[in-house]
Amino acid sequence: MYEEFTQERIALLRTQKGVTARDMSLSIGQNSSYINRIENKKTLPSMQAFFYICEYLGITPQEFYDAGNPNPAKLESIIADLKTLDDEALASIAGVIKEMRGRK
């Protein structure tokens, strides 16, 4: 179960980042086909490689395994921006989010 999730999650997050499997492989210090082999379910990353993958993607291991968060890097960026706002601005954004959720 976790094996398949890991392999599919790497593919999803890499695609969201807009990089090729080859570029990602080389960027984390592996051979050019490393990420491709993971995504094609031929291997799994070592723990050390997994940490490099998370660092490359700009997420924590916890965010990586949070299946309810389809785009952890973008969400983290939004949260960082929200932390800079005052109470009034946060209340406005909360209202917009509630309105948007109500439209679903």
N, C-alpha and C. Protein backbone atom coordinates (compact mmCIF):
# COMPACT_ATOMS: atom_id res chain seq x y z
N MET A 1 0.82 -1.20 0.00
CA MET A 1 0.00 0.00 0.00
C MET A 1 0.86 1.26 0.00
N TYR A 2 1.78 1.37 0.97
CA TYR A 2 2.62 2.57 1.04
C TYR A 2 3.59 2.64 -0.12
N GLU A 3 3.99 1.48 -0.63
CA GLU A 3 4.92 1.49 -1.75
C GLU A 3 4.29 2.19 -2.95
N GLU A 4 3.10 1.77 -3.30
CA GLU A 4 2.42 2.34 -4.46
C GLU A 4 2.11 3.82 -4.24
N PHE A 5 1.68 4.17 -3.03
CA PHE A 5 1.40 5.57 -2.73
C PHE A 5 2.67 6.40 -2.91
N THR A 6 3.78 5.91 -2.40
CA THR A 6 5.04 6.63 -2.50
C THR A 6 5.42 6.88 -3.95
N GLN A 7 5.33 5.85 -4.75
CA GLN A 7 5.71 5.96 -6.16
C GLN A 7 4.79 6.93 -6.91
N GLU A 8 3.50 6.83 -6.67
CA GLU A 8 2.55 7.71 -7.34
C GLU A 8 2.66 9.15 -6.85
N ARG A 9 2.93 9.31 -5.56
CA ARG A 9 3.04 10.65 -4.98
C ARG A 9 4.25 11.39 -5.54
N ILE A 10 5.36 10.67 -5.70
CA ILE A 10 6.54 11.29 -6.29
C ILE A 10 6.21 11.79 -7.69
N ALA A 11 5.54 10.97 -8.47
CA ALA A 11 5.18 11.37 -9.84
C ALA A 11 4.27 12.61 -9.83
N LEU A 12 3.28 12.62 -8.96
CA LEU A 12 2.36 13.75 -8.88
C LEU A 12 3.08 15.03 -8.49
N LEU A 13 3.86 14.96 -7.42
CA LEU A 13 4.52 16.17 -6.93
C LEU A 13 5.61 16.66 -7.89
N ARG A 14 6.28 15.74 -8.55
CA ARG A 14 7.28 16.14 -9.54
C ARG A 14 6.60 16.86 -10.70
N THR A 15 5.48 16.32 -11.14
CA THR A 15 4.74 16.94 -12.24
C THR A 15 4.25 18.33 -11.85
N GLN A 16 3.75 18.47 -10.62
CA GLN A 16 3.31 19.79 -10.15
C GLN A 16 4.45 20.79 -10.13
N LYS A 17 5.63 20.31 -9.83
CA LYS A 17 6.81 21.19 -9.80
C LYS A 17 7.26 21.55 -11.21
N GLY A 18 6.82 20.76 -12.19
CA GLY A 18 7.12 21.06 -13.58
C GLY A 18 8.52 20.65 -14.01
N VAL A 19 9.03 19.58 -13.44
CA VAL A 19 10.36 19.10 -13.81
C VAL A 19 10.28 17.68 -14.36
N THR A 20 11.26 17.34 -15.16
CA THR A 20 11.29 15.98 -15.70
C THR A 20 11.88 15.03 -14.67
N ALA A 21 11.58 13.76 -14.85
CA ALA A 21 12.14 12.74 -13.97
C ALA A 21 13.66 12.75 -14.06
N ARG A 22 14.18 12.97 -15.24
CA ARG A 22 15.63 13.00 -15.44
C ARG A 22 16.25 14.16 -14.66
N ASP A 23 15.69 15.35 -14.80
CA ASP A 23 16.23 16.52 -14.11
C ASP A 23 16.17 16.33 -12.59
N MET A 24 15.07 15.78 -12.11
CA MET A 24 14.94 15.56 -10.67
C MET A 24 15.97 14.54 -10.20
N SER A 25 16.14 13.47 -10.95
CA SER A 25 17.12 12.44 -10.60
C SER A 25 18.51 13.04 -10.44
N LEU A 26 18.91 13.81 -11.44
CA LEU A 26 20.24 14.40 -11.41
C LEU A 26 20.37 15.44 -10.29
N SER A 27 19.29 16.17 -10.03
CA SER A 27 19.32 17.21 -8.99
C SER A 27 19.49 16.64 -7.59
N ILE A 28 19.03 15.41 -7.39
CA ILE A 28 19.18 14.79 -6.06
C ILE A 28 20.40 13.88 -6.00
N GLY A 29 21.24 13.96 -7.03
CA GLY A 29 22.50 13.22 -7.01
C GLY A 29 22.42 11.77 -7.41
N GLN A 30 21.41 11.42 -8.19
CA GLN A 30 21.24 10.03 -8.63
C GLN A 30 21.48 9.93 -10.13
N ASN A 31 21.48 8.71 -10.65
CA ASN A 31 21.63 8.56 -12.10
C ASN A 31 20.36 9.05 -12.78
N SER A 32 20.46 9.31 -14.06
CA SER A 32 19.38 9.99 -14.80
C SER A 32 18.06 9.24 -14.84
N SER A 33 18.04 7.93 -14.61
CA SER A 33 16.79 7.16 -14.68
C SER A 33 16.21 6.82 -13.31
N TYR A 34 16.81 7.32 -12.25
CA TYR A 34 16.41 6.94 -10.89
C TYR A 34 14.93 7.21 -10.61
N ILE A 35 14.48 8.44 -10.79
CA ILE A 35 13.08 8.79 -10.51
C ILE A 35 12.14 8.03 -11.44
N ASN A 36 12.53 7.86 -12.69
CA ASN A 36 11.72 7.11 -13.64
C ASN A 36 11.51 5.68 -13.15
N ARG A 37 12.55 5.05 -12.61
CA ARG A 37 12.42 3.68 -12.10
C ARG A 37 11.48 3.64 -10.89
N ILE A 38 11.53 4.66 -10.06
CA ILE A 38 10.62 4.71 -8.90
C ILE A 38 9.18 4.85 -9.40
N GLU A 39 8.95 5.81 -10.29
CA GLU A 39 7.59 6.08 -10.78
C GLU A 39 7.03 4.90 -11.57
N ASN A 40 7.88 4.10 -12.17
CA ASN A 40 7.42 2.92 -12.91
C ASN A 40 7.37 1.67 -12.05
N LYS A 41 7.43 1.88 -10.73
CA LYS A 41 7.26 0.82 -9.74
C LYS A 41 8.30 -0.30 -9.84
N LYS A 42 9.51 0.08 -10.21
CA LYS A 42 10.61 -0.89 -10.28
C LYS A 42 11.48 -0.86 -9.04
N THR A 43 11.41 0.23 -8.27
CA THR A 43 12.22 0.36 -7.06
C THR A 43 11.56 1.37 -6.13
N LEU A 44 12.08 1.45 -4.94
CA LEU A 44 11.67 2.47 -3.97
C LEU A 44 12.91 3.23 -3.53
N PRO A 45 12.76 4.48 -3.13
CA PRO A 45 13.93 5.23 -2.68
C PRO A 45 14.39 4.74 -1.31
N SER A 46 15.70 4.84 -1.07
CA SER A 46 16.20 4.60 0.28
C SER A 46 15.68 5.72 1.17
N MET A 47 15.83 5.57 2.46
CA MET A 47 15.39 6.62 3.38
C MET A 47 16.15 7.92 3.11
N GLN A 48 17.45 7.82 2.89
CA GLN A 48 18.24 9.01 2.61
C GLN A 48 17.78 9.66 1.31
N ALA A 49 17.55 8.87 0.27
CA ALA A 49 17.07 9.42 -1.01
C ALA A 49 15.68 10.03 -0.84
N PHE A 50 14.84 9.41 -0.03
CA PHE A 50 13.51 9.95 0.23
C PHE A 50 13.61 11.35 0.83
N PHE A 51 14.52 11.53 1.78
CA PHE A 51 14.70 12.86 2.38
C PHE A 51 15.20 13.86 1.34
N TYR A 52 16.09 13.44 0.45
CA TYR A 52 16.54 14.33 -0.63
C TYR A 52 15.38 14.69 -1.56
N ILE A 53 14.53 13.72 -1.83
CA ILE A 53 13.36 13.97 -2.69
C ILE A 53 12.45 15.01 -2.03
N CYS A 54 12.17 14.83 -0.75
CA CYS A 54 11.32 15.80 -0.04
C CYS A 54 11.95 17.18 -0.05
N GLU A 55 13.24 17.25 0.21
CA GLU A 55 13.93 18.55 0.20
C GLU A 55 13.84 19.18 -1.19
N TYR A 56 14.05 18.39 -2.21
CA TYR A 56 13.97 18.89 -3.59
C TYR A 56 12.58 19.43 -3.89
N LEU A 57 11.55 18.73 -3.41
CA LEU A 57 10.17 19.14 -3.66
C LEU A 57 9.73 20.29 -2.75
N GLY A 58 10.55 20.62 -1.75
CA GLY A 58 10.23 21.72 -0.85
C GLY A 58 9.15 21.38 0.16
N ILE A 59 9.11 20.10 0.57
CA ILE A 59 8.09 19.66 1.52
C ILE A 59 8.75 18.80 2.60
N THR A 60 8.01 18.58 3.68
CA THR A 60 8.48 17.70 4.74
C THR A 60 8.00 16.27 4.45
N PRO A 61 8.63 15.28 5.07
CA PRO A 61 8.12 13.91 4.92
C PRO A 61 6.65 13.78 5.36
N GLN A 62 6.27 14.52 6.39
CA GLN A 62 4.88 14.50 6.84
C GLN A 62 3.95 15.01 5.74
N GLU A 63 4.33 16.09 5.09
CA GLU A 63 3.51 16.63 3.99
C GLU A 63 3.47 15.66 2.82
N PHE A 64 4.58 14.97 2.58
CA PHE A 64 4.62 14.00 1.49
C PHE A 64 3.55 12.93 1.69
N TYR A 65 3.43 12.42 2.92
CA TYR A 65 2.48 11.33 3.18
C TYR A 65 1.08 11.80 3.57
N ASP A 66 0.82 13.09 3.49
CA ASP A 66 -0.52 13.63 3.77
C ASP A 66 -1.35 13.52 2.49
N ALA A 67 -2.05 12.40 2.34
CA ALA A 67 -2.84 12.15 1.13
C ALA A 67 -3.95 13.17 0.94
N GLY A 68 -4.38 13.81 2.01
CA GLY A 68 -5.44 14.81 1.93
C GLY A 68 -4.96 16.16 1.44
N ASN A 69 -3.68 16.29 1.19
CA ASN A 69 -3.09 17.54 0.73
C ASN A 69 -2.50 17.29 -0.66
N PRO A 70 -3.28 17.56 -1.69
CA PRO A 70 -2.82 17.23 -3.04
C PRO A 70 -1.67 18.10 -3.57
N ASN A 71 -1.44 19.25 -2.96
CA ASN A 71 -0.37 20.13 -3.43
C ASN A 71 0.32 20.78 -2.23
N PRO A 72 1.14 20.03 -1.51
CA PRO A 72 1.72 20.55 -0.27
C PRO A 72 2.64 21.76 -0.45
N ALA A 73 3.37 21.83 -1.54
CA ALA A 73 4.27 22.98 -1.73
C ALA A 73 3.47 24.26 -1.89
N LYS A 74 2.39 24.21 -2.67
CA LYS A 74 1.56 25.40 -2.87
C LYS A 74 0.86 25.79 -1.57
N LEU A 75 0.34 24.81 -0.84
CA LEU A 75 -0.34 25.10 0.42
C LEU A 75 0.62 25.73 1.42
N GLU A 76 1.84 25.22 1.49
CA GLU A 76 2.84 25.78 2.40
C GLU A 76 3.15 27.23 2.04
N SER A 77 3.23 27.52 0.75
CA SER A 77 3.47 28.89 0.30
C SER A 77 2.32 29.81 0.71
N ILE A 78 1.10 29.33 0.55
CA ILE A 78 -0.08 30.12 0.93
C ILE A 78 -0.09 30.37 2.43
N ILE A 79 0.22 29.34 3.21
CA ILE A 79 0.24 29.49 4.66
C ILE A 79 1.29 30.51 5.08
N ALA A 80 2.45 30.46 4.45
CA ALA A 80 3.51 31.44 4.77
C ALA A 80 3.02 32.86 4.49
N ASP A 81 2.31 33.05 3.38
CA ASP A 81 1.76 34.37 3.07
C ASP A 81 0.69 34.78 4.07
N LEU A 82 -0.16 33.85 4.46
CA LEU A 82 -1.22 34.16 5.42
C LEU A 82 -0.66 34.61 6.77
N LYS A 83 0.48 34.06 7.16
CA LYS A 83 1.09 34.41 8.44
C LYS A 83 1.53 35.87 8.50
N THR A 84 1.62 36.51 7.36
CA THR A 84 2.06 37.91 7.34
C THR A 84 0.90 38.90 7.42
N LEU A 85 -0.33 38.39 7.38
CA LEU A 85 -1.51 39.27 7.33
C LEU A 85 -2.02 39.61 8.72
N ASP A 86 -2.73 40.75 8.81
CA ASP A 86 -3.35 41.13 10.08
C ASP A 86 -4.70 40.44 10.23
N ASP A 87 -5.33 40.61 11.38
CA ASP A 87 -6.59 39.94 11.68
C ASP A 87 -7.70 40.27 10.70
N GLU A 88 -7.78 41.52 10.30
CA GLU A 88 -8.83 41.94 9.37
C GLU A 88 -8.67 41.24 8.02
N ALA A 89 -7.46 41.21 7.51
CA ALA A 89 -7.21 40.55 6.23
C ALA A 89 -7.49 39.05 6.32
N LEU A 90 -7.10 38.43 7.43
CA LEU A 90 -7.37 37.00 7.62
C LEU A 90 -8.86 36.71 7.67
N ALA A 91 -9.61 37.60 8.32
CA ALA A 91 -11.06 37.43 8.38
C ALA A 91 -11.68 37.53 6.99
N SER A 92 -11.18 38.44 6.19
CA SER A 92 -11.67 38.58 4.81
C SER A 92 -11.40 37.33 4.00
N ILE A 93 -10.20 36.82 4.12
CA ILE A 93 -9.84 35.61 3.37
C ILE A 93 -10.66 34.42 3.86
N ALA A 94 -10.88 34.33 5.15
CA ALA A 94 -11.71 33.24 5.69
C ALA A 94 -13.12 33.30 5.10
N GLY A 95 -13.65 34.51 4.96
CA GLY A 95 -14.97 34.67 4.36
C GLY A 95 -14.99 34.23 2.90
N VAL A 96 -13.97 34.57 2.17
CA VAL A 96 -13.88 34.16 0.76
C VAL A 96 -13.81 32.64 0.66
N ILE A 97 -13.01 32.02 1.52
CA ILE A 97 -12.88 30.56 1.49
C ILE A 97 -14.22 29.89 1.81
N LYS A 98 -14.93 30.39 2.81
CA LYS A 98 -16.23 29.82 3.16
C LYS A 98 -17.21 29.95 2.00
N GLU A 99 -17.17 31.09 1.34
CA GLU A 99 -18.05 31.31 0.19
C GLU A 99 -17.70 30.33 -0.94
N MET A 100 -16.44 30.17 -1.21
CA MET A 100 -15.99 29.26 -2.27
C MET A 100 -16.37 27.80 -1.95
N ARG A 101 -16.23 27.41 -0.72
CA ARG A 101 -16.58 26.04 -0.31
C ARG A 101 -18.08 25.81 -0.46
N GLY A 102 -18.87 26.86 -0.23
CA GLY A 102 -20.31 26.75 -0.34
C GLY A 102 -20.78 26.56 -1.78
N ARG A 103 -19.96 26.94 -2.74
CA ARG A 103 -20.31 26.81 -4.15
C ARG A 103 -20.12 25.39 -4.68
N LYS A 104 -19.39 24.57 -3.97
CA LYS A 104 -19.11 23.21 -4.44
C LYS A 104 -20.34 22.38 -4.55
